[in-house]
mmCIF file of all heavy atoms, coordinates in Angstrom:
data_MODEL
# 
_entry.id   MODEL 
# 
loop_
_atom_site.group_PDB 
_atom_site.id 
_atom_site.type_symbol 
_atom_site.label_atom_id 
_atom_site.label_alt_id 
_atom_site.label_comp_id 
_atom_site.label_asym_id 
_atom_site.label_entity_id 
_atom_site.label_seq_id 
_atom_site.pdbx_PDB_ins_code 
_atom_site.Cartn_x 
_atom_site.Cartn_y 
_atom_site.Cartn_z 
_atom_site.occupancy 
_atom_site.B_iso_or_equiv 
_atom_site.pdbx_formal_charge 
_atom_site.auth_seq_id 
_atom_site.auth_comp_id 
_atom_site.auth_asym_id 
_atom_site.auth_atom_id 
_atom_site.pdbx_PDB_model_num 
ATOM 1   N N   . SER A 1 1  ? 94.618  95.493  110.256 1.00 0.00 ? 1  SER A N   1 
ATOM 2   C CA  . SER A 1 1  ? 94.515  94.707  109.027 1.00 0.00 ? 1  SER A CA  1 
ATOM 3   C C   . SER A 1 1  ? 93.132  94.847  108.405 1.00 0.00 ? 1  SER A C   1 
ATOM 4   O O   . SER A 1 1  ? 92.132  95.024  109.100 1.00 0.00 ? 1  SER A O   1 
ATOM 5   C CB  . SER A 1 1  ? 94.847  93.228  109.282 1.00 0.00 ? 1  SER A CB  1 
ATOM 6   O OG  . SER A 1 1  ? 93.967  92.675  110.204 1.00 0.00 ? 1  SER A OG  1 
ATOM 7   N N   . ILE A 1 2  ? 93.132  94.783  107.085 1.00 0.00 ? 2  ILE A N   1 
ATOM 8   C CA  . ILE A 1 2  ? 91.887  94.819  106.315 1.00 0.00 ? 2  ILE A CA  1 
ATOM 9   C C   . ILE A 1 2  ? 91.911  93.619  105.377 1.00 0.00 ? 2  ILE A C   1 
ATOM 10  O O   . ILE A 1 2  ? 92.875  93.406  104.641 1.00 0.00 ? 2  ILE A O   1 
ATOM 11  C CB  . ILE A 1 2  ? 91.745  96.118  105.501 1.00 0.00 ? 2  ILE A CB  1 
ATOM 12  C CG1 . ILE A 1 2  ? 91.787  97.337  106.427 1.00 0.00 ? 2  ILE A CG1 1 
ATOM 13  C CG2 . ILE A 1 2  ? 90.441  96.091  104.710 1.00 0.00 ? 2  ILE A CG2 1 
ATOM 14  C CD1 . ILE A 1 2  ? 91.702  98.665  105.689 1.00 0.00 ? 2  ILE A CD1 1 
ATOM 15  N N   . ARG A 1 3  ? 90.839  92.852  105.436 1.00 0.00 ? 3  ARG A N   1 
ATOM 16  C CA  . ARG A 1 3  ? 90.716  91.678  104.569 1.00 0.00 ? 3  ARG A CA  1 
ATOM 17  C C   . ARG A 1 3  ? 89.633  91.956  103.529 1.00 0.00 ? 3  ARG A C   1 
ATOM 18  O O   . ARG A 1 3  ? 88.539  92.436  103.857 1.00 0.00 ? 3  ARG A O   1 
ATOM 19  C CB  . ARG A 1 3  ? 90.360  90.437  105.379 1.00 0.00 ? 3  ARG A CB  1 
ATOM 20  C CG  . ARG A 1 3  ? 90.412  89.146  104.563 1.00 0.00 ? 3  ARG A CG  1 
ATOM 21  C CD  . ARG A 1 3  ? 90.197  87.918  105.435 1.00 0.00 ? 3  ARG A CD  1 
ATOM 22  N NE  . ARG A 1 3  ? 88.910  87.902  106.104 1.00 0.00 ? 3  ARG A NE  1 
ATOM 23  C CZ  . ARG A 1 3  ? 87.762  87.526  105.523 1.00 0.00 ? 3  ARG A CZ  1 
ATOM 24  N NH1 . ARG A 1 3  ? 87.751  87.137  104.265 1.00 0.00 ? 3  ARG A NH1 1 
ATOM 25  N NH2 . ARG A 1 3  ? 86.639  87.531  106.208 1.00 0.00 ? 3  ARG A NH2 1 
ATOM 26  N N   . PHE A 1 4  ? 89.974  91.691  102.290 1.00 0.00 ? 4  PHE A N   1 
ATOM 27  C CA  . PHE A 1 4  ? 89.041  91.845  101.181 1.00 0.00 ? 4  PHE A CA  1 
ATOM 28  C C   . PHE A 1 4  ? 88.767  90.476  100.584 1.00 0.00 ? 4  PHE A C   1 
ATOM 29  O O   . PHE A 1 4  ? 89.696  89.715  100.298 1.00 0.00 ? 4  PHE A O   1 
ATOM 30  C CB  . PHE A 1 4  ? 89.633  92.754  100.097 1.00 0.00 ? 4  PHE A CB  1 
ATOM 31  C CG  . PHE A 1 4  ? 89.880  94.159  100.562 1.00 0.00 ? 4  PHE A CG  1 
ATOM 32  C CD1 . PHE A 1 4  ? 91.122  94.525  101.045 1.00 0.00 ? 4  PHE A CD1 1 
ATOM 33  C CD2 . PHE A 1 4  ? 88.879  95.112  100.521 1.00 0.00 ? 4  PHE A CD2 1 
ATOM 34  C CE1 . PHE A 1 4  ? 91.369  95.818  101.476 1.00 0.00 ? 4  PHE A CE1 1 
ATOM 35  C CE2 . PHE A 1 4  ? 89.105  96.407  100.953 1.00 0.00 ? 4  PHE A CE2 1 
ATOM 36  C CZ  . PHE A 1 4  ? 90.360  96.765  101.437 1.00 0.00 ? 4  PHE A CZ  1 
ATOM 37  N N   . ALA A 1 5  ? 87.510  90.172  100.398 1.00 0.00 ? 5  ALA A N   1 
ATOM 38  C CA  . ALA A 1 5  ? 87.114  88.913  99.776  1.00 0.00 ? 5  ALA A CA  1 
ATOM 39  C C   . ALA A 1 5  ? 87.133  89.077  98.256  1.00 0.00 ? 5  ALA A C   1 
ATOM 40  O O   . ALA A 1 5  ? 86.929  90.181  97.745  1.00 0.00 ? 5  ALA A O   1 
ATOM 41  C CB  . ALA A 1 5  ? 85.715  88.512  100.248 1.00 0.00 ? 5  ALA A CB  1 
ATOM 42  N N   . PRO A 1 6  ? 87.358  87.987  97.545  1.00 0.00 ? 6  PRO A N   1 
ATOM 43  C CA  . PRO A 1 6  ? 87.337  88.081  96.082  1.00 0.00 ? 6  PRO A CA  1 
ATOM 44  C C   . PRO A 1 6  ? 85.930  88.345  95.570  1.00 0.00 ? 6  PRO A C   1 
ATOM 45  O O   . PRO A 1 6  ? 84.948  87.902  96.163  1.00 0.00 ? 6  PRO A O   1 
ATOM 46  C CB  . PRO A 1 6  ? 87.831  86.710  95.634  1.00 0.00 ? 6  PRO A CB  1 
ATOM 47  C CG  . PRO A 1 6  ? 87.578  85.796  96.779  1.00 0.00 ? 6  PRO A CG  1 
ATOM 48  C CD  . PRO A 1 6  ? 87.629  86.634  98.022  1.00 0.00 ? 6  PRO A CD  1 
ATOM 49  N N   . ASN A 1 7  ? 85.838  89.061  94.491  1.00 0.00 ? 7  ASN A N   1 
ATOM 50  C CA  . ASN A 1 7  ? 84.581  89.208  93.778  1.00 0.00 ? 7  ASN A CA  1 
ATOM 51  C C   . ASN A 1 7  ? 84.425  87.944  92.952  1.00 0.00 ? 7  ASN A C   1 
ATOM 52  O O   . ASN A 1 7  ? 85.308  87.599  92.165  1.00 0.00 ? 7  ASN A O   1 
ATOM 53  C CB  . ASN A 1 7  ? 84.636  90.453  92.884  1.00 0.00 ? 7  ASN A CB  1 
ATOM 54  C CG  . ASN A 1 7  ? 83.398  90.622  92.038  1.00 0.00 ? 7  ASN A CG  1 
ATOM 55  O OD1 . ASN A 1 7  ? 83.003  89.724  91.302  1.00 0.00 ? 7  ASN A OD1 1 
ATOM 56  N ND2 . ASN A 1 7  ? 82.794  91.785  92.134  1.00 0.00 ? 7  ASN A ND2 1 
ATOM 57  N N   . GLU A 1 8  ? 83.335  87.245  93.127  1.00 0.00 ? 8  GLU A N   1 
ATOM 58  C CA  . GLU A 1 8  ? 83.171  85.937  92.484  1.00 0.00 ? 8  GLU A CA  1 
ATOM 59  C C   . GLU A 1 8  ? 83.241  85.990  90.956  1.00 0.00 ? 8  GLU A C   1 
ATOM 60  O O   . GLU A 1 8  ? 83.516  84.992  90.303  1.00 0.00 ? 8  GLU A O   1 
ATOM 61  C CB  . GLU A 1 8  ? 81.865  85.271  92.916  1.00 0.00 ? 8  GLU A CB  1 
ATOM 62  C CG  . GLU A 1 8  ? 80.619  85.998  92.448  1.00 0.00 ? 8  GLU A CG  1 
ATOM 63  C CD  . GLU A 1 8  ? 79.349  85.298  92.875  1.00 0.00 ? 8  GLU A CD  1 
ATOM 64  O OE1 . GLU A 1 8  ? 79.215  84.082  92.626  1.00 0.00 ? 8  GLU A OE1 1 
ATOM 65  O OE2 . GLU A 1 8  ? 78.493  85.972  93.471  1.00 0.00 ? 8  GLU A OE2 1 
ATOM 66  N N   . TRP A 1 9  ? 82.994  87.139  90.354  1.00 0.00 ? 9  TRP A N   1 
ATOM 67  C CA  . TRP A 1 9  ? 82.996  87.266  88.905  1.00 0.00 ? 9  TRP A CA  1 
ATOM 68  C C   . TRP A 1 9  ? 84.362  87.677  88.358  1.00 0.00 ? 9  TRP A C   1 
ATOM 69  O O   . TRP A 1 9  ? 84.555  87.711  87.152  1.00 0.00 ? 9  TRP A O   1 
ATOM 70  C CB  . TRP A 1 9  ? 81.952  88.290  88.452  1.00 0.00 ? 9  TRP A CB  1 
ATOM 71  C CG  . TRP A 1 9  ? 80.602  87.994  89.003  1.00 0.00 ? 9  TRP A CG  1 
ATOM 72  C CD1 . TRP A 1 9  ? 79.950  88.684  89.978  1.00 0.00 ? 9  TRP A CD1 1 
ATOM 73  C CD2 . TRP A 1 9  ? 79.748  86.911  88.654  1.00 0.00 ? 9  TRP A CD2 1 
ATOM 74  N NE1 . TRP A 1 9  ? 78.747  88.105  90.248  1.00 0.00 ? 9  TRP A NE1 1 
ATOM 75  C CE2 . TRP A 1 9  ? 78.589  87.006  89.442  1.00 0.00 ? 9  TRP A CE2 1 
ATOM 76  C CE3 . TRP A 1 9  ? 79.847  85.856  87.747  1.00 0.00 ? 9  TRP A CE3 1 
ATOM 77  C CZ2 . TRP A 1 9  ? 77.549  86.109  89.352  1.00 0.00 ? 9  TRP A CZ2 1 
ATOM 78  C CZ3 . TRP A 1 9  ? 78.793  84.959  87.661  1.00 0.00 ? 9  TRP A CZ3 1 
ATOM 79  C CH2 . TRP A 1 9  ? 77.671  85.085  88.446  1.00 0.00 ? 9  TRP A CH2 1 
ATOM 80  N N   . LYS A 1 10 ? 85.309  87.992  89.258  1.00 0.00 ? 10 LYS A N   1 
ATOM 81  C CA  . LYS A 1 10 ? 86.567  88.554  88.773  1.00 0.00 ? 10 LYS A CA  1 
ATOM 82  C C   . LYS A 1 10 ? 87.818  87.950  89.396  1.00 0.00 ? 10 LYS A C   1 
ATOM 83  O O   . LYS A 1 10 ? 88.796  87.719  88.707  1.00 0.00 ? 10 LYS A O   1 
ATOM 84  C CB  . LYS A 1 10 ? 86.550  90.063  89.022  1.00 0.00 ? 10 LYS A CB  1 
ATOM 85  C CG  . LYS A 1 10 ? 87.805  90.775  88.597  1.00 0.00 ? 10 LYS A CG  1 
ATOM 86  C CD  . LYS A 1 10 ? 87.653  92.262  88.798  1.00 0.00 ? 10 LYS A CD  1 
ATOM 87  C CE  . LYS A 1 10 ? 88.921  92.978  88.429  1.00 0.00 ? 10 LYS A CE  1 
ATOM 88  N NZ  . LYS A 1 10 ? 88.811  94.408  88.628  1.00 0.00 ? 10 LYS A NZ  1 
ATOM 89  N N   . HIS A 1 11 ? 87.811  87.743  90.696  1.00 0.00 ? 11 HIS A N   1 
ATOM 90  C CA  . HIS A 1 11 ? 89.029  87.346  91.406  1.00 0.00 ? 11 HIS A CA  1 
ATOM 91  C C   . HIS A 1 11 ? 89.032  85.858  91.759  1.00 0.00 ? 11 HIS A C   1 
ATOM 92  O O   . HIS A 1 11 ? 87.988  85.281  92.022  1.00 0.00 ? 11 HIS A O   1 
ATOM 93  C CB  . HIS A 1 11 ? 89.167  88.151  92.709  1.00 0.00 ? 11 HIS A CB  1 
ATOM 94  C CG  . HIS A 1 11 ? 89.205  89.620  92.503  1.00 0.00 ? 11 HIS A CG  1 
ATOM 95  N ND1 . HIS A 1 11 ? 88.098  90.418  92.699  1.00 0.00 ? 11 HIS A ND1 1 
ATOM 96  C CD2 . HIS A 1 11 ? 90.210  90.446  92.125  1.00 0.00 ? 11 HIS A CD2 1 
ATOM 97  C CE1 . HIS A 1 11 ? 88.416  91.667  92.452  1.00 0.00 ? 11 HIS A CE1 1 
ATOM 98  N NE2 . HIS A 1 11 ? 89.694  91.725  92.097  1.00 0.00 ? 11 HIS A NE2 1 
ATOM 99  N N   . GLU A 1 12 ? 90.223  85.294  91.795  1.00 0.00 ? 12 GLU A N   1 
ATOM 100 C CA  . GLU A 1 12 ? 90.379  83.910  92.245  1.00 0.00 ? 12 GLU A CA  1 
ATOM 101 C C   . GLU A 1 12 ? 90.712  83.842  93.731  1.00 0.00 ? 12 GLU A C   1 
ATOM 102 O O   . GLU A 1 12 ? 90.536  82.810  94.357  1.00 0.00 ? 12 GLU A O   1 
ATOM 103 C CB  . GLU A 1 12 ? 91.475  83.212  91.427  1.00 0.00 ? 12 GLU A CB  1 
ATOM 104 C CG  . GLU A 1 12 ? 91.086  83.012  89.985  1.00 0.00 ? 12 GLU A CG  1 
ATOM 105 C CD  . GLU A 1 12 ? 92.184  82.350  89.181  1.00 0.00 ? 12 GLU A CD  1 
ATOM 106 O OE1 . GLU A 1 12 ? 93.336  82.256  89.649  1.00 0.00 ? 12 GLU A OE1 1 
ATOM 107 O OE2 . GLU A 1 12 ? 91.876  81.928  88.039  1.00 0.00 ? 12 GLU A OE2 1 
ATOM 108 N N   . GLU A 1 13 ? 91.217  84.945  94.280  1.00 0.00 ? 13 GLU A N   1 
ATOM 109 C CA  . GLU A 1 13 ? 91.604  84.970  95.687  1.00 0.00 ? 13 GLU A CA  1 
ATOM 110 C C   . GLU A 1 13 ? 91.394  86.359  96.259  1.00 0.00 ? 13 GLU A C   1 
ATOM 111 O O   . GLU A 1 13 ? 91.265  87.335  95.533  1.00 0.00 ? 13 GLU A O   1 
ATOM 112 C CB  . GLU A 1 13 ? 93.057  84.526  95.854  1.00 0.00 ? 13 GLU A CB  1 
ATOM 113 C CG  . GLU A 1 13 ? 94.029  85.278  94.990  1.00 0.00 ? 13 GLU A CG  1 
ATOM 114 C CD  . GLU A 1 13 ? 95.399  84.619  94.920  1.00 0.00 ? 13 GLU A CD  1 
ATOM 115 O OE1 . GLU A 1 13 ? 95.629  83.597  95.584  1.00 0.00 ? 13 GLU A OE1 1 
ATOM 116 O OE2 . GLU A 1 13 ? 96.248  85.142  94.201  1.00 0.00 ? 13 GLU A OE2 1 
ATOM 117 N N   . GLY A 1 14 ? 91.346  86.428  97.586  1.00 0.00 ? 14 GLY A N   1 
ATOM 118 C CA  . GLY A 1 14 ? 91.168  87.685  98.277  1.00 0.00 ? 14 GLY A CA  1 
ATOM 119 C C   . GLY A 1 14 ? 92.503  88.350  98.579  1.00 0.00 ? 14 GLY A C   1 
ATOM 120 O O   . GLY A 1 14 ? 93.567  87.873  98.169  1.00 0.00 ? 14 GLY A O   1 
ATOM 121 N N   . LEU A 1 15 ? 92.443  89.436  99.326  1.00 0.00 ? 15 LEU A N   1 
ATOM 122 C CA  . LEU A 1 15 ? 93.622  90.231  99.646  1.00 0.00 ? 15 LEU A CA  1 
ATOM 123 C C   . LEU A 1 15 ? 93.589  90.615  101.117 1.00 0.00 ? 15 LEU A C   1 
ATOM 124 O O   . LEU A 1 15 ? 92.550  91.033  101.634 1.00 0.00 ? 15 LEU A O   1 
ATOM 125 C CB  . LEU A 1 15 ? 93.641  91.501  98.778  1.00 0.00 ? 15 LEU A CB  1 
ATOM 126 C CG  . LEU A 1 15 ? 94.740  92.509  99.047  1.00 0.00 ? 15 LEU A CG  1 
ATOM 127 C CD1 . LEU A 1 15 ? 96.112  91.949  98.658  1.00 0.00 ? 15 LEU A CD1 1 
ATOM 128 C CD2 . LEU A 1 15 ? 94.462  93.803  98.281  1.00 0.00 ? 15 LEU A CD2 1 
ATOM 129 N N   . LEU A 1 16 ? 94.731  90.466  101.781 1.00 0.00 ? 16 LEU A N   1 
ATOM 130 C CA  . LEU A 1 16 ? 94.900  90.905  103.159 1.00 0.00 ? 16 LEU A CA  1 
ATOM 131 C C   . LEU A 1 16 ? 95.959  91.999  103.171 1.00 0.00 ? 16 LEU A C   1 
ATOM 132 O O   . LEU A 1 16 ? 97.072  91.785  102.663 1.00 0.00 ? 16 LEU A O   1 
ATOM 133 C CB  . LEU A 1 16 ? 95.336  89.749  104.065 1.00 0.00 ? 16 LEU A CB  1 
ATOM 134 C CG  . LEU A 1 16 ? 95.692  90.121  105.505 1.00 0.00 ? 16 LEU A CG  1 
ATOM 135 C CD1 . LEU A 1 16 ? 94.465  90.603  106.271 1.00 0.00 ? 16 LEU A CD1 1 
ATOM 136 C CD2 . LEU A 1 16 ? 96.342  88.944  106.212 1.00 0.00 ? 16 LEU A CD2 1 
ATOM 137 N N   . ILE A 1 17 ? 95.613  93.157  103.717 1.00 0.00 ? 17 ILE A N   1 
ATOM 138 C CA  . ILE A 1 17 ? 96.586  94.241  103.857 1.00 0.00 ? 17 ILE A CA  1 
ATOM 139 C C   . ILE A 1 17 ? 96.789  94.480  105.352 1.00 0.00 ? 17 ILE A C   1 
ATOM 140 O O   . ILE A 1 17 ? 95.823  94.657  106.091 1.00 0.00 ? 17 ILE A O   1 
ATOM 141 C CB  . ILE A 1 17 ? 96.116  95.542  103.183 1.00 0.00 ? 17 ILE A CB  1 
ATOM 142 C CG1 . ILE A 1 17 ? 95.782  95.295  101.713 1.00 0.00 ? 17 ILE A CG1 1 
ATOM 143 C CG2 . ILE A 1 17 ? 97.198  96.622  103.316 1.00 0.00 ? 17 ILE A CG2 1 
ATOM 144 C CD1 . ILE A 1 17 ? 95.212  96.508  100.998 1.00 0.00 ? 17 ILE A CD1 1 
ATOM 145 N N   . ARG A 1 18 ? 98.051  94.441  105.766 1.00 0.00 ? 18 ARG A N   1 
ATOM 146 C CA  . ARG A 1 18 ? 98.408  94.699  107.164 1.00 0.00 ? 18 ARG A CA  1 
ATOM 147 C C   . ARG A 1 18 ? 99.195  95.995  107.216 1.00 0.00 ? 18 ARG A C   1 
ATOM 148 O O   . ARG A 1 18 ? 100.120 96.205  106.431 1.00 0.00 ? 18 ARG A O   1 
ATOM 149 C CB  . ARG A 1 18 ? 99.223  93.550  107.735 1.00 0.00 ? 18 ARG A CB  1 
ATOM 150 C CG  . ARG A 1 18 ? 98.413  92.243  107.723 1.00 0.00 ? 18 ARG A CG  1 
ATOM 151 C CD  . ARG A 1 18 ? 99.085  91.143  108.458 1.00 0.00 ? 18 ARG A CD  1 
ATOM 152 N NE  . ARG A 1 18 ? 99.022  91.470  109.884 1.00 0.00 ? 18 ARG A NE  1 
ATOM 153 C CZ  . ARG A 1 18 ? 99.924  91.072  110.771 1.00 0.00 ? 18 ARG A CZ  1 
ATOM 154 N NH1 . ARG A 1 18 ? 100.946 90.340  110.404 1.00 0.00 ? 18 ARG A NH1 1 
ATOM 155 N NH2 . ARG A 1 18 ? 99.807  91.398  112.032 1.00 0.00 ? 18 ARG A NH2 1 
ATOM 156 N N   . TYR A 1 19 ? 98.819  96.861  108.154 1.00 0.00 ? 19 TYR A N   1 
ATOM 157 C CA  . TYR A 1 19 ? 99.425  98.175  108.306 1.00 0.00 ? 19 TYR A CA  1 
ATOM 158 C C   . TYR A 1 19 ? 100.192 98.210  109.621 1.00 0.00 ? 19 TYR A C   1 
ATOM 159 O O   . TYR A 1 19 ? 99.644  97.866  110.675 1.00 0.00 ? 19 TYR A O   1 
ATOM 160 C CB  . TYR A 1 19 ? 98.350  99.263  108.316 1.00 0.00 ? 19 TYR A CB  1 
ATOM 161 C CG  . TYR A 1 19 ? 97.520  99.288  107.051 1.00 0.00 ? 19 TYR A CG  1 
ATOM 162 C CD1 . TYR A 1 19 ? 96.369  98.501  106.927 1.00 0.00 ? 19 TYR A CD1 1 
ATOM 163 C CD2 . TYR A 1 19 ? 97.876  100.103 105.985 1.00 0.00 ? 19 TYR A CD2 1 
ATOM 164 C CE1 . TYR A 1 19 ? 95.606  98.522  105.774 1.00 0.00 ? 19 TYR A CE1 1 
ATOM 165 C CE2 . TYR A 1 19 ? 97.118  100.124 104.825 1.00 0.00 ? 19 TYR A CE2 1 
ATOM 166 C CZ  . TYR A 1 19 ? 95.986  99.341  104.727 1.00 0.00 ? 19 TYR A CZ  1 
ATOM 167 O OH  . TYR A 1 19 ? 95.235  99.358  103.583 1.00 0.00 ? 19 TYR A OH  1 
ATOM 168 N N   . PHE A 1 20 ? 101.432 98.670  109.559 1.00 0.00 ? 20 PHE A N   1 
ATOM 169 C CA  . PHE A 1 20 ? 102.310 98.707  110.728 1.00 0.00 ? 20 PHE A CA  1 
ATOM 170 C C   . PHE A 1 20 ? 102.618 100.156 111.105 1.00 0.00 ? 20 PHE A C   1 
ATOM 171 O O   . PHE A 1 20 ? 102.787 101.005 110.232 1.00 0.00 ? 20 PHE A O   1 
ATOM 172 C CB  . PHE A 1 20 ? 103.606 97.951  110.434 1.00 0.00 ? 20 PHE A CB  1 
ATOM 173 C CG  . PHE A 1 20 ? 103.362 96.538  109.984 1.00 0.00 ? 20 PHE A CG  1 
ATOM 174 C CD1 . PHE A 1 20 ? 103.300 96.214  108.640 1.00 0.00 ? 20 PHE A CD1 1 
ATOM 175 C CD2 . PHE A 1 20 ? 103.150 95.534  110.915 1.00 0.00 ? 20 PHE A CD2 1 
ATOM 176 C CE1 . PHE A 1 20 ? 103.048 94.918  108.221 1.00 0.00 ? 20 PHE A CE1 1 
ATOM 177 C CE2 . PHE A 1 20 ? 102.895 94.226  110.512 1.00 0.00 ? 20 PHE A CE2 1 
ATOM 178 C CZ  . PHE A 1 20 ? 102.847 93.920  109.166 1.00 0.00 ? 20 PHE A CZ  1 
ATOM 179 N N   . GLY A 1 21 ? 102.695 100.407 112.405 1.00 0.00 ? 21 GLY A N   1 
ATOM 180 C CA  . GLY A 1 21 ? 102.988 101.753 112.880 1.00 0.00 ? 21 GLY A CA  1 
ATOM 181 C C   . GLY A 1 21 ? 101.900 102.737 112.492 1.00 0.00 ? 21 GLY A C   1 
ATOM 182 O O   . GLY A 1 21 ? 102.177 103.844 112.034 1.00 0.00 ? 21 GLY A O   1 
ATOM 183 N N   . VAL A 1 22 ? 100.650 102.351 112.691 1.00 0.00 ? 22 VAL A N   1 
ATOM 184 C CA  . VAL A 1 22 ? 99.513  103.178 112.295 1.00 0.00 ? 22 VAL A CA  1 
ATOM 185 C C   . VAL A 1 22 ? 99.423  104.424 113.186 1.00 0.00 ? 22 VAL A C   1 
ATOM 186 O O   . VAL A 1 22 ? 99.438  104.327 114.409 1.00 0.00 ? 22 VAL A O   1 
ATOM 187 C CB  . VAL A 1 22 ? 98.194  102.377 112.366 1.00 0.00 ? 22 VAL A CB  1 
ATOM 188 C CG1 . VAL A 1 22 ? 96.992  103.259 112.097 1.00 0.00 ? 22 VAL A CG1 1 
ATOM 189 C CG2 . VAL A 1 22 ? 98.237  101.208 111.387 1.00 0.00 ? 22 VAL A CG2 1 
ATOM 190 N N   . THR A 1 23 ? 99.335  105.572 112.538 1.00 0.00 ? 23 THR A N   1 
ATOM 191 C CA  . THR A 1 23 ? 99.153  106.834 113.260 1.00 0.00 ? 23 THR A CA  1 
ATOM 192 C C   . THR A 1 23 ? 97.795  107.458 112.989 1.00 0.00 ? 23 THR A C   1 
ATOM 193 O O   . THR A 1 23 ? 97.375  108.374 113.689 1.00 0.00 ? 23 THR A O   1 
ATOM 194 C CB  . THR A 1 23 ? 100.256 107.848 112.886 1.00 0.00 ? 23 THR A CB  1 
ATOM 195 O OG1 . THR A 1 23 ? 100.250 108.032 111.474 1.00 0.00 ? 23 THR A OG1 1 
ATOM 196 C CG2 . THR A 1 23 ? 101.626 107.353 113.355 1.00 0.00 ? 23 THR A CG2 1 
ATOM 197 N N   . ARG A 1 24 ? 97.101  106.962 111.968 1.00 0.00 ? 24 ARG A N   1 
ATOM 198 C CA  . ARG A 1 24 ? 95.762  107.467 111.662 1.00 0.00 ? 24 ARG A CA  1 
ATOM 199 C C   . ARG A 1 24 ? 94.966  106.376 110.976 1.00 0.00 ? 24 ARG A C   1 
ATOM 200 O O   . ARG A 1 24 ? 95.452  105.708 110.064 1.00 0.00 ? 24 ARG A O   1 
ATOM 201 C CB  . ARG A 1 24 ? 95.854  108.688 110.749 1.00 0.00 ? 24 ARG A CB  1 
ATOM 202 C CG  . ARG A 1 24 ? 94.499  109.242 110.360 1.00 0.00 ? 24 ARG A CG  1 
ATOM 203 C CD  . ARG A 1 24 ? 94.636  110.457 109.473 1.00 0.00 ? 24 ARG A CD  1 
ATOM 204 N NE  . ARG A 1 24 ? 93.325  110.949 109.073 1.00 0.00 ? 24 ARG A NE  1 
ATOM 205 C CZ  . ARG A 1 24 ? 93.139  111.822 108.126 1.00 0.00 ? 24 ARG A CZ  1 
ATOM 206 N NH1 . ARG A 1 24 ? 94.157  112.332 107.482 1.00 0.00 ? 24 ARG A NH1 1 
ATOM 207 N NH2 . ARG A 1 24 ? 91.926  112.206 107.821 1.00 0.00 ? 24 ARG A NH2 1 
# 
Protein backbone atom coordinates (compact mmCIF):
# COMPACT_ATOMS: atom_id res chain seq x y z
CA SER A 1 0.00 0.00 0.00
CA ILE A 2 0.97 3.58 -0.69
CA ARG A 3 -0.57 6.45 1.23
CA PHE A 4 -0.53 9.97 -0.17
CA ALA A 5 -1.27 12.97 2.01
CA PRO A 6 -3.31 15.86 0.63
CA ASN A 7 -1.52 18.94 -0.60
CA GLU A 8 -2.79 21.64 1.74
CA TRP A 9 -3.28 24.10 -1.15
CA LYS A 10 -5.26 21.73 -3.37
CA HIS A 11 -6.75 18.60 -1.81
CA GLU A 12 -9.33 18.09 0.91
CA GLU A 13 -8.34 14.47 1.51
CA GLY A 14 -5.52 12.03 0.89
CA LEU A 15 -5.40 8.85 -1.17
CA LEU A 16 -4.63 5.25 -0.24
CA ILE A 17 -3.76 2.81 -3.03
CA ARG A 18 -3.59 -0.90 -2.22
CA TYR A 19 -1.98 -3.31 -4.67
CA PHE A 20 -2.89 -7.00 -4.72
CA GLY A 21 -0.88 -9.86 -6.19
CA VAL A 22 2.26 -7.74 -6.52
CA THR A 23 4.92 -9.24 -8.77
CA ARG A 24 7.17 -6.19 -9.03
